Amino acid sequence: MTHASGFYAGAWASNVDFTAAGEDDDGIDIELDPYIGWSGALGENAELDVSLTYVSYPGHLDGYDYAYTELEGVLTFADHFHVGLAYSPDIFNLGGHGIYGNAGVELPLGESGFDLKAQVKALRPQRCGRRQLQRLPGRSWPQLRPLRADLRTPTPPATARH
């Protein structure tokens, strides 16, 4: 839901399964992320998008509560480039804050209706070392890929938020 002022609210959901073969079930089958934010133009060729998201995993069993809050800002410029920074005061509910940065480009592939998106990203957990992050079922942070490329259909401006 988007307002003419640039404010928006919504939710994103996905099925997930963090339990690896041979591990105890964590009860997590769904990720649900309600969010609010604002997006608007900054000058002629730039746009700022600031959002607050609560990342949650309903149905988790005791000892597997990874819910956290994230504040993110993304600056898009020259129609195709973006840089973003996100902060969580308690990333994955592990007792330490985390900072996530990304930069990328999204280019249309002619008249095909598809875009090619390439992005570099990094997560830097603070005070909750990499060892704790590795203990999360199904999350293998040392194997995060710093470069990602997607082929996707473009989303209309101010409608896709997450």
Protein backbone atom coordinates (compact mmCIF):
# COMPACT_ATOMS: atom_id res chain seq x y z
CA MET A 1 0.00 0.00 0.00
CA THR A 2 1.52 3.30 -1.12
CA HIS A 3 0.38 6.85 -0.42
CA ALA A 4 0.92 9.83 -2.77
CA SER A 5 3.20 11.39 -0.11
CA GLY A 6 5.67 8.54 -0.60
CA PHE A 7 4.83 6.69 2.60
CA TYR A 8 4.08 3.00 2.25
CA ALA A 9 3.35 -0.11 4.30
CA GLY A 10 3.14 -3.77 3.49
CA ALA A 11 4.36 -7.25 4.25
CA TRP A 12 6.56 -9.80 2.59
CA ALA A 13 6.28 -13.54 3.27
CA SER A 14 8.08 -16.66 2.18
CA ASN A 15 8.32 -20.29 3.06
CA VAL A 16 11.70 -21.13 4.66
CA ASP A 17 13.40 -24.20 6.06
CA PHE A 18 16.52 -23.60 8.15
CA THR A 19 16.71 -27.17 9.48
CA ALA A 20 19.54 -29.13 7.88
CA ALA A 21 19.43 -32.92 7.58
CA GLY A 22 20.11 -34.52 10.94
CA GLU A 23 19.37 -31.36 12.98
CA ASP A 24 16.50 -30.85 15.43
CA ASP A 25 13.49 -29.14 13.87
CA ASP A 26 13.34 -25.43 14.73
CA GLY A 27 9.62 -25.13 13.93
CA ILE A 28 10.35 -22.37 11.40
CA ASP A 29 8.51 -22.77 8.12
CA ILE A 30 7.53 -19.15 7.37
CA GLU A 31 9.29 -15.79 7.28
CA LEU A 32 6.93 -12.83 7.67
CA ASP A 33 8.28 -9.28 7.31
CA PRO A 34 5.86 -6.38 7.83
CA TYR A 35 7.39 -3.04 6.88
CA ILE A 36 6.76 0.71 6.70
CA GLY A 37 8.73 3.32 4.84
CA TRP A 38 9.02 6.41 2.73
CA SER A 39 10.32 6.81 -0.81
CA GLY A 40 10.78 10.04 -2.70
CA ALA A 41 12.80 12.01 -5.22
CA LEU A 42 16.00 13.78 -4.26
CA GLY A 43 16.66 16.23 -7.04
CA GLU A 44 16.26 15.33 -10.71
CA ASN A 45 18.01 12.00 -10.92
CA ALA A 46 18.01 10.39 -7.47
CA GLU A 47 15.53 8.69 -5.17
CA LEU A 48 15.78 7.80 -1.48
CA ASP A 49 13.91 4.87 0.06
CA VAL A 50 13.95 4.47 3.86
CA SER A 51 12.18 1.52 5.48
CA LEU A 52 11.73 -0.17 8.84
CA THR A 53 11.15 -3.93 8.73
CA TYR A 54 10.39 -6.47 11.44
CA VAL A 55 11.78 -9.81 10.25
CA SER A 56 9.94 -12.62 12.02
CA TYR A 57 9.64 -16.40 11.92
CA PRO A 58 6.20 -17.33 13.31
CA GLY A 59 5.91 -20.81 14.78
CA HIS A 60 9.51 -21.06 15.95
CA LEU A 61 10.23 -23.44 18.82
CA ASP A 62 11.87 -22.34 22.08
CA GLY A 63 15.52 -21.44 21.50
CA TYR A 64 14.99 -20.59 17.81
CA ASP A 65 13.67 -17.03 17.93
CA TYR A 66 15.66 -15.20 15.22
CA ALA A 67 13.28 -12.22 14.86
CA TYR A 68 14.89 -8.81 14.47
CA THR A 69 14.18 -5.24 13.38
CA GLU A 70 16.03 -3.60 10.50
CA LEU A 71 16.28 0.03 9.38
CA GLU A 72 17.39 0.42 5.76
CA GLY A 73 18.13 3.30 3.41
CA VAL A 74 18.65 2.89 -0.34
CA LEU A 75 19.75 5.67 -2.69
CA THR A 76 19.00 5.09 -6.38
CA PHE A 77 20.64 7.39 -8.91
CA ALA A 78 21.19 7.77 -12.67
CA ASP A 79 18.15 5.49 -13.18
CA HIS A 80 20.15 2.27 -12.87
CA PHE A 81 22.50 2.42 -9.85
CA HIS A 82 21.86 2.03 -6.13
CA VAL A 83 23.69 1.97 -2.80
CA GLY A 84 22.12 0.92 0.45
CA LEU A 85 22.87 0.54 4.12
CA ALA A 86 20.83 -1.35 6.72
CA TYR A 87 21.21 -1.56 10.49
CA SER A 88 19.78 -4.00 13.01
CA PRO A 89 20.20 -3.38 16.76
CA ASP A 90 19.99 -7.15 17.42
CA ILE A 91 20.66 -9.11 14.22
CA PHE A 92 19.01 -12.56 14.31
CA ASN A 93 18.27 -11.94 18.00
CA LEU A 94 21.84 -12.94 18.93
CA GLY A 95 22.66 -10.03 21.22
CA GLY A 96 24.69 -7.89 18.80
CA HIS A 97 23.96 -5.33 16.13
CA GLY A 98 24.59 -5.84 12.45
CA ILE A 99 25.31 -3.60 9.49
CA TYR A 100 24.50 -4.62 5.92
CA GLY A 101 25.66 -2.70 2.87
CA ASN A 102 24.99 -3.17 -0.82
CA ALA A 103 25.62 -1.50 -4.16
CA GLY A 104 24.43 -2.48 -7.57
CA VAL A 105 23.17 -1.77 -11.03
CA GLU A 106 19.95 -2.74 -12.82
CA LEU A 107 19.91 -2.53 -16.61
CA PRO A 108 17.03 -3.18 -19.02
CA LEU A 109 17.68 -5.85 -21.63
CA GLY A 110 16.46 -3.98 -24.69
CA GLU A 111 12.72 -4.20 -25.29
CA SER A 112 12.46 -7.70 -23.75
CA GLY A 113 10.72 -6.55 -20.56
CA PHE A 114 13.54 -8.07 -18.49
CA ASP A 115 16.24 -6.39 -16.43
CA LEU A 116 19.69 -7.63 -15.50
CA LYS A 117 20.59 -6.79 -11.92
CA ALA A 118 24.04 -7.20 -10.38
CA GLN A 119 24.67 -6.42 -6.72
CA VAL A 120 27.56 -6.56 -4.26
CA LYS A 121 26.60 -6.99 -0.61
CA ALA A 122 28.21 -7.46 2.78
CA LEU A 123 26.95 -8.21 6.31
CA ARG A 124 29.08 -7.18 9.25
CA PRO A 125 27.80 -8.55 12.56
CA GLN A 126 29.01 -6.65 15.62
CA ARG A 127 29.48 -8.17 19.09
CA CYS A 128 27.87 -11.44 18.00
CA GLY A 129 30.77 -12.98 16.15
CA ARG A 130 30.63 -15.06 13.02
CA ARG A 131 30.71 -18.21 15.15
CA GLN A 132 27.26 -17.42 16.59
CA LEU A 133 25.89 -16.69 13.11
CA GLN A 134 27.15 -20.07 11.91
CA ARG A 135 25.04 -21.77 14.58
CA LEU A 136 21.84 -20.64 12.94
CA PRO A 137 20.33 -23.65 11.19
CA GLY A 138 20.71 -23.36 7.45
CA ARG A 139 22.56 -20.04 7.57
CA SER A 140 26.14 -20.36 6.42
CA TRP A 141 27.47 -16.80 6.54
CA PRO A 142 31.06 -17.49 5.45
CA GLN A 143 29.58 -18.75 2.19
CA LEU A 144 27.64 -15.55 1.45
CA ARG A 145 28.28 -14.65 -2.13
CA PRO A 146 29.51 -11.07 -2.46
CA LEU A 147 28.21 -10.82 -6.02
CA ARG A 148 24.72 -11.66 -7.13
CA ALA A 149 23.19 -11.45 -10.58
CA ASP A 150 19.48 -11.84 -11.32
CA LEU A 151 17.38 -11.88 -14.43
CA ARG A 152 13.94 -10.58 -13.61
CA THR A 153 10.99 -8.66 -14.91
CA PRO A 154 11.06 -5.04 -13.76
CA THR A 155 8.78 -4.00 -10.91
CA PRO A 156 6.79 -0.82 -11.34
CA PRO A 157 8.23 2.11 -9.33
CA ALA A 158 6.93 2.60 -5.78
CA THR A 159 5.11 -0.76 -5.71
CA ALA A 160 7.76 -3.36 -4.88
CA ARG A 161 9.15 -2.88 -1.42
CA HIS A 162 11.42 -5.64 -0.33
